[in-house]
Amino acid sequence: MTPIDLNADLGEGFGRWRLTDDEQLLSVVTSANVACGFHAGDAATMRRVCELAAERGVRIGAQVSYRDLAGFGRRAMDVPPDELAAEVAYQIGALEVFARAAGACVSYVKPHGALYNRVVHDEEQAAAVVEGVLLADAALPVLGLPSSRFLKLAEQAGLPTATEAFADRAYTEQGTLVPRSQADAVITDAETVVERSLGLARFGMVTSHSGARIPVRARSLCLHGDTPGAVDLARRVRARLESSGVHVKAFV
């Protein structure tokens, strides 16, 4: 059975405001998608999360975003490709400083929110993100949705790629995520999330929004850190996977 990585979005605070329970989640996940200051996060937060991740042996990933603090990076934006490439590289570079200071490094890159969904289909924006990663480190792995333009372009550019699935998000029959603006886009029932996690990890299958069974082959499983009860849910998911014989291991 192929090992499965558990990743979570962490460091999603700003100043005195904190959204995610970083310390507790870092005791469960194997990879941390750290906000780099554009949708959330600030210098002190990035430093703290990198130090905690390094102490626990958790891989540090740069979660890059559109420049959208007010909208948490979830609003659609049109950013010129050259500007987006530079901003992606900028975010990776900022996080790398704190990762290195903690005795670790940035191990991968994952887009966030609106950017993540945009680069599934948008060739121009996907190419800009790939260019930004190449500017930062031409050997840096990227994490994204299976069959996305982003991963295809990254592969063509020589970047290592890894596919990702979401146990707490509804899927279309095409294997894309149901937009958060639609009803039931986020699955909140804990037992359902646990069972979907197991199905994705063991069989690479998930039930779509319409009830169809669809293949979603993924090396990493995302556990959102900004949902109520996120820590307890993450623990339940990991415990269920391991008790079912699934090896939980970082993908890089």
Protein backbone atom coordinates (compact mmCIF):
# COMPACT_ATOMS: atom_id res chain seq x y z
CA MET A 1 0.00 0.00 0.00
CA THR A 2 1.38 3.42 -0.99
CA PRO A 3 2.16 5.64 2.02
CA ILE A 4 -0.01 8.73 2.50
CA ASP A 5 1.15 12.17 3.61
CA LEU A 6 -1.07 14.28 5.88
CA ASN A 7 -0.79 18.01 5.30
CA ALA A 8 -2.49 20.97 6.94
CA ASP A 9 -2.59 24.73 6.35
CA LEU A 10 -0.78 26.32 9.29
CA GLY A 11 0.42 29.73 10.43
CA GLU A 12 -2.84 31.25 9.30
CA GLY A 13 -2.86 34.17 11.69
CA PHE A 14 -1.74 37.77 11.67
CA GLY A 15 -0.44 39.78 14.61
CA ARG A 16 -2.54 38.92 17.67
CA TRP A 17 -5.12 37.03 15.61
CA ARG A 18 -4.66 33.25 15.29
CA LEU A 19 -6.85 30.88 13.31
CA THR A 20 -5.07 27.52 13.46
CA ASP A 21 -3.86 25.48 16.43
CA ASP A 22 -0.40 25.07 14.95
CA GLU A 23 1.27 23.36 17.89
CA GLN A 24 -1.36 20.62 18.22
CA LEU A 25 -1.72 20.01 14.50
CA LEU A 26 2.04 19.68 14.13
CA SER A 27 1.84 16.64 16.42
CA VAL A 28 -0.44 14.93 13.87
CA VAL A 29 0.49 15.96 10.32
CA THR A 30 3.62 15.10 8.37
CA SER A 31 3.68 18.23 6.19
CA ALA A 32 2.86 21.83 7.08
CA ASN A 33 1.61 24.29 4.46
CA VAL A 34 2.80 27.53 6.04
CA ALA A 35 1.09 30.81 5.10
CA CYS A 36 3.67 33.21 3.70
CA GLY A 37 2.10 36.56 4.50
CA PHE A 38 -0.11 37.14 1.46
CA HIS A 39 -3.37 35.50 2.59
CA ALA A 40 -2.36 35.12 6.25
CA GLY A 41 0.76 34.88 8.36
CA ASP A 42 3.45 37.37 9.31
CA ALA A 43 7.16 37.18 10.04
CA ALA A 44 6.83 36.19 13.70
CA THR A 45 4.20 33.55 12.89
CA MET A 46 6.26 32.05 10.07
CA ARG A 47 9.30 31.85 12.33
CA ARG A 48 7.36 30.21 15.16
CA VAL A 49 5.71 27.60 12.93
CA CYS A 50 9.00 26.74 11.21
CA GLU A 51 10.68 26.21 14.58
CA LEU A 52 7.85 23.96 15.79
CA ALA A 53 7.80 22.00 12.54
CA ALA A 54 11.57 21.49 12.58
CA GLU A 55 11.44 20.26 16.19
CA ARG A 56 8.86 17.63 15.23
CA GLY A 57 10.40 16.59 11.92
CA VAL A 58 7.43 17.88 9.95
CA ARG A 59 8.15 18.98 6.38
CA ILE A 60 7.76 22.72 5.75
CA GLY A 61 5.85 23.81 2.64
CA ALA A 62 5.33 27.32 1.30
CA GLN A 63 1.63 28.00 0.86
CA VAL A 64 1.65 30.76 -1.73
CA SER A 65 -1.36 32.93 -2.46
CA TYR A 66 -2.72 35.96 -4.21
CA ARG A 67 -2.03 39.13 -2.23
CA ASP A 68 -5.36 39.14 -0.39
CA LEU A 69 -5.19 39.43 3.41
CA ALA A 70 -8.70 40.87 3.65
CA GLY A 71 -10.24 38.01 1.71
CA PHE A 72 -8.01 35.26 3.14
CA GLY A 73 -6.79 34.51 -0.37
CA ARG A 74 -10.17 33.14 -1.41
CA ARG A 75 -11.28 35.95 -3.72
CA ALA A 76 -10.83 35.70 -7.48
CA MET A 77 -8.10 38.06 -8.67
CA ASP A 78 -6.45 38.88 -12.00
CA VAL A 79 -2.71 39.33 -11.48
CA PRO A 80 -0.34 39.88 -14.43
CA PRO A 81 1.77 36.73 -14.93
CA ASP A 82 5.14 38.42 -14.41
CA GLU A 83 3.89 40.01 -11.19
CA LEU A 84 2.41 36.72 -9.95
CA ALA A 85 5.65 34.84 -10.68
CA ALA A 86 7.65 37.41 -8.70
CA GLU A 87 5.21 37.29 -5.78
CA VAL A 88 5.32 33.49 -5.64
CA ALA A 89 9.13 33.56 -5.53
CA TYR A 90 9.00 36.32 -2.90
CA GLN A 91 6.77 34.25 -0.61
CA ILE A 92 8.93 31.15 -0.93
CA GLY A 93 12.06 33.18 -0.21
CA ALA A 94 10.53 34.75 2.89
CA LEU A 95 9.61 31.38 4.37
CA GLU A 96 12.98 29.87 3.44
CA VAL A 97 14.75 32.37 5.73
CA PHE A 98 12.82 31.12 8.76
CA ALA A 99 12.99 27.46 7.74
CA ARG A 100 16.79 27.68 7.42
CA ALA A 101 17.08 29.49 10.75
CA ALA A 102 15.17 26.60 12.34
CA GLY A 103 17.60 24.07 10.85
CA ALA A 104 15.23 22.93 8.11
CA CYS A 105 14.27 24.11 4.62
CA VAL A 106 11.23 24.73 2.44
CA SER A 107 10.50 21.24 1.09
CA TYR A 108 7.65 21.97 -1.32
CA VAL A 109 5.18 24.58 -2.58
CA LYS A 110 1.38 24.52 -2.55
CA PRO A 111 -0.91 27.29 -3.85
CA HIS A 112 -3.71 28.44 -1.56
CA GLY A 113 -7.40 29.21 -2.00
CA ALA A 114 -8.41 31.07 -5.12
CA LEU A 115 -4.97 30.59 -6.65
CA TYR A 116 -5.09 26.83 -6.02
CA ASN A 117 -8.42 26.55 -7.84
CA ARG A 118 -7.45 28.99 -10.60
CA VAL A 119 -4.35 27.04 -11.66
CA VAL A 120 -6.36 23.85 -12.10
CA HIS A 121 -7.59 25.20 -15.45
CA ASP A 122 -5.93 28.57 -16.15
CA GLU A 123 -2.84 27.98 -18.29
CA GLU A 124 -1.44 31.50 -17.89
CA GLN A 125 -1.76 31.70 -14.13
CA ALA A 126 -0.49 28.13 -13.72
CA ALA A 127 2.58 28.95 -15.82
CA ALA A 128 3.22 32.04 -13.70
CA VAL A 129 3.19 30.00 -10.48
CA VAL A 130 5.57 27.47 -12.04
CA GLU A 131 7.87 30.32 -13.09
CA GLY A 132 7.82 31.68 -9.55
CA VAL A 133 8.79 28.30 -8.11
CA LEU A 134 11.61 27.98 -10.64
CA LEU A 135 12.89 31.43 -9.66
CA ALA A 136 13.09 30.30 -6.03
CA ASP A 137 14.44 26.77 -6.56
CA ALA A 138 14.36 24.76 -9.80
CA ALA A 139 14.27 21.48 -7.84
CA LEU A 140 11.43 22.35 -5.43
CA PRO A 141 8.48 19.89 -5.45
CA VAL A 142 4.96 21.22 -5.91
CA LEU A 143 1.67 19.91 -4.52
CA GLY A 144 -1.65 20.22 -6.34
CA LEU A 145 -4.85 18.70 -7.65
CA PRO A 146 -4.51 15.64 -9.93
CA SER A 147 -4.79 16.44 -13.67
CA SER A 148 -4.43 20.19 -13.02
CA ARG A 149 -2.71 22.42 -15.54
CA PHE A 150 -0.40 23.48 -12.73
CA LEU A 151 1.00 19.99 -12.19
CA LYS A 152 1.27 19.30 -15.92
CA LEU A 153 3.22 22.49 -16.54
CA ALA A 154 5.38 21.85 -13.48
CA GLU A 155 6.26 18.39 -14.79
CA GLN A 156 7.14 19.85 -18.19
CA ALA A 157 9.42 22.36 -16.45
CA GLY A 158 11.22 19.57 -14.59
CA LEU A 159 9.75 20.22 -11.14
CA PRO A 160 8.90 17.19 -8.97
CA THR A 161 5.12 16.94 -8.46
CA ALA A 162 2.78 15.31 -5.96
CA THR A 163 -1.00 14.95 -6.11
CA GLU A 164 -3.35 15.93 -3.29
CA ALA A 165 -6.84 15.02 -2.13
CA PHE A 166 -9.32 16.57 0.32
CA ALA A 167 -11.43 14.42 2.61
CA ASP A 168 -13.50 17.37 3.87
CA ARG A 169 -14.30 18.96 0.51
CA ALA A 170 -17.01 17.97 -1.95
CA TYR A 171 -15.87 16.88 -5.43
CA THR A 172 -17.46 17.31 -8.84
CA GLU A 173 -17.67 14.31 -11.17
CA GLN A 174 -14.69 15.82 -13.04
CA GLY A 175 -12.50 15.45 -9.96
CA THR A 176 -12.36 19.16 -9.12
CA LEU A 177 -13.46 20.78 -5.86
CA VAL A 178 -16.99 22.15 -5.51
CA PRO A 179 -16.65 25.93 -5.00
CA ARG A 180 -17.03 27.06 -1.40
CA SER A 181 -19.81 29.41 -2.55
CA GLN A 182 -22.04 26.37 -3.15
CA ALA A 183 -23.99 24.53 -0.48
CA ASP A 184 -22.29 21.53 1.16
CA ALA A 185 -18.91 22.32 -0.45
CA VAL A 186 -17.26 21.68 2.93
CA ILE A 187 -18.04 18.40 4.70
CA THR A 188 -18.38 18.90 8.44
CA ASP A 189 -19.49 15.48 9.69
CA ALA A 190 -16.42 14.01 11.37
CA GLU A 191 -17.17 10.34 10.72
CA THR A 192 -17.80 11.06 7.04
CA VAL A 193 -14.45 12.84 6.77
CA VAL A 194 -12.68 9.92 8.48
CA GLU A 195 -14.26 7.36 6.14
CA ARG A 196 -13.49 9.45 3.07
CA SER A 197 -9.88 9.75 4.22
CA LEU A 198 -9.60 5.98 4.42
CA GLY A 199 -11.21 5.51 1.01
CA LEU A 200 -8.83 7.99 -0.59
CA ALA A 201 -5.75 6.51 1.06
CA ARG A 202 -6.53 2.83 0.46
CA PHE A 203 -8.45 2.83 -2.81
CA GLY A 204 -7.93 6.25 -4.42
CA MET A 205 -11.69 6.73 -4.66
CA VAL A 206 -14.18 9.28 -3.34
CA THR A 207 -17.91 9.91 -3.71
CA SER A 208 -18.67 13.05 -5.72
CA HIS A 209 -21.25 15.74 -4.92
CA SER A 210 -23.71 13.94 -7.21
CA GLY A 211 -23.14 10.53 -5.63
CA ALA A 212 -20.85 9.07 -8.29
CA ARG A 213 -17.69 7.19 -7.31
CA ILE A 214 -14.67 8.85 -8.91
CA PRO A 215 -10.94 8.09 -8.86
CA VAL A 216 -8.72 10.57 -7.01
CA ARG A 217 -5.19 9.23 -6.80
CA ALA A 218 -3.22 11.26 -4.29
CA ARG A 219 0.06 11.04 -2.40
CA SER A 220 -1.00 13.65 0.17
CA LEU A 221 -4.24 14.21 2.06
CA CYS A 222 -5.15 17.72 3.22
CA LEU A 223 -6.68 18.26 6.65
CA HIS A 224 -7.92 21.83 6.93
CA GLY A 225 -6.73 23.53 10.09
CA ASP A 226 -9.31 26.34 10.08
CA THR A 227 -12.42 24.22 10.64
CA PRO A 228 -14.05 23.72 14.08
CA GLY A 229 -12.57 20.73 15.91
CA ALA A 230 -9.69 20.50 13.42
CA VAL A 231 -7.19 18.98 15.86
CA ASP A 232 -9.51 16.24 17.11
CA LEU A 233 -10.55 15.42 13.54
CA ALA A 234 -6.94 15.23 12.37
CA ARG A 235 -6.12 12.84 15.21
CA ARG A 236 -9.11 10.65 14.35
CA VAL A 237 -8.11 10.54 10.68
CA ARG A 238 -4.52 9.55 11.43
CA ALA A 239 -5.56 6.95 13.99
CA ARG A 240 -8.04 5.39 11.54
CA LEU A 241 -5.49 5.28 8.73
CA GLU A 242 -2.80 3.69 10.87
CA SER A 243 -5.16 1.16 12.45
CA SER A 244 -6.18 0.14 8.91
CA GLY A 245 -2.61 -0.50 7.85
CA VAL A 246 -1.96 2.75 6.02
CA HIS A 247 1.58 4.08 6.49
CA VAL A 248 1.51 7.82 7.18
CA LYS A 249 4.66 9.42 5.81
CA ALA A 250 5.73 12.76 4.30
CA PHE A 251 5.77 12.77 0.50
CA VAL A 252 9.18 14.50 0.38
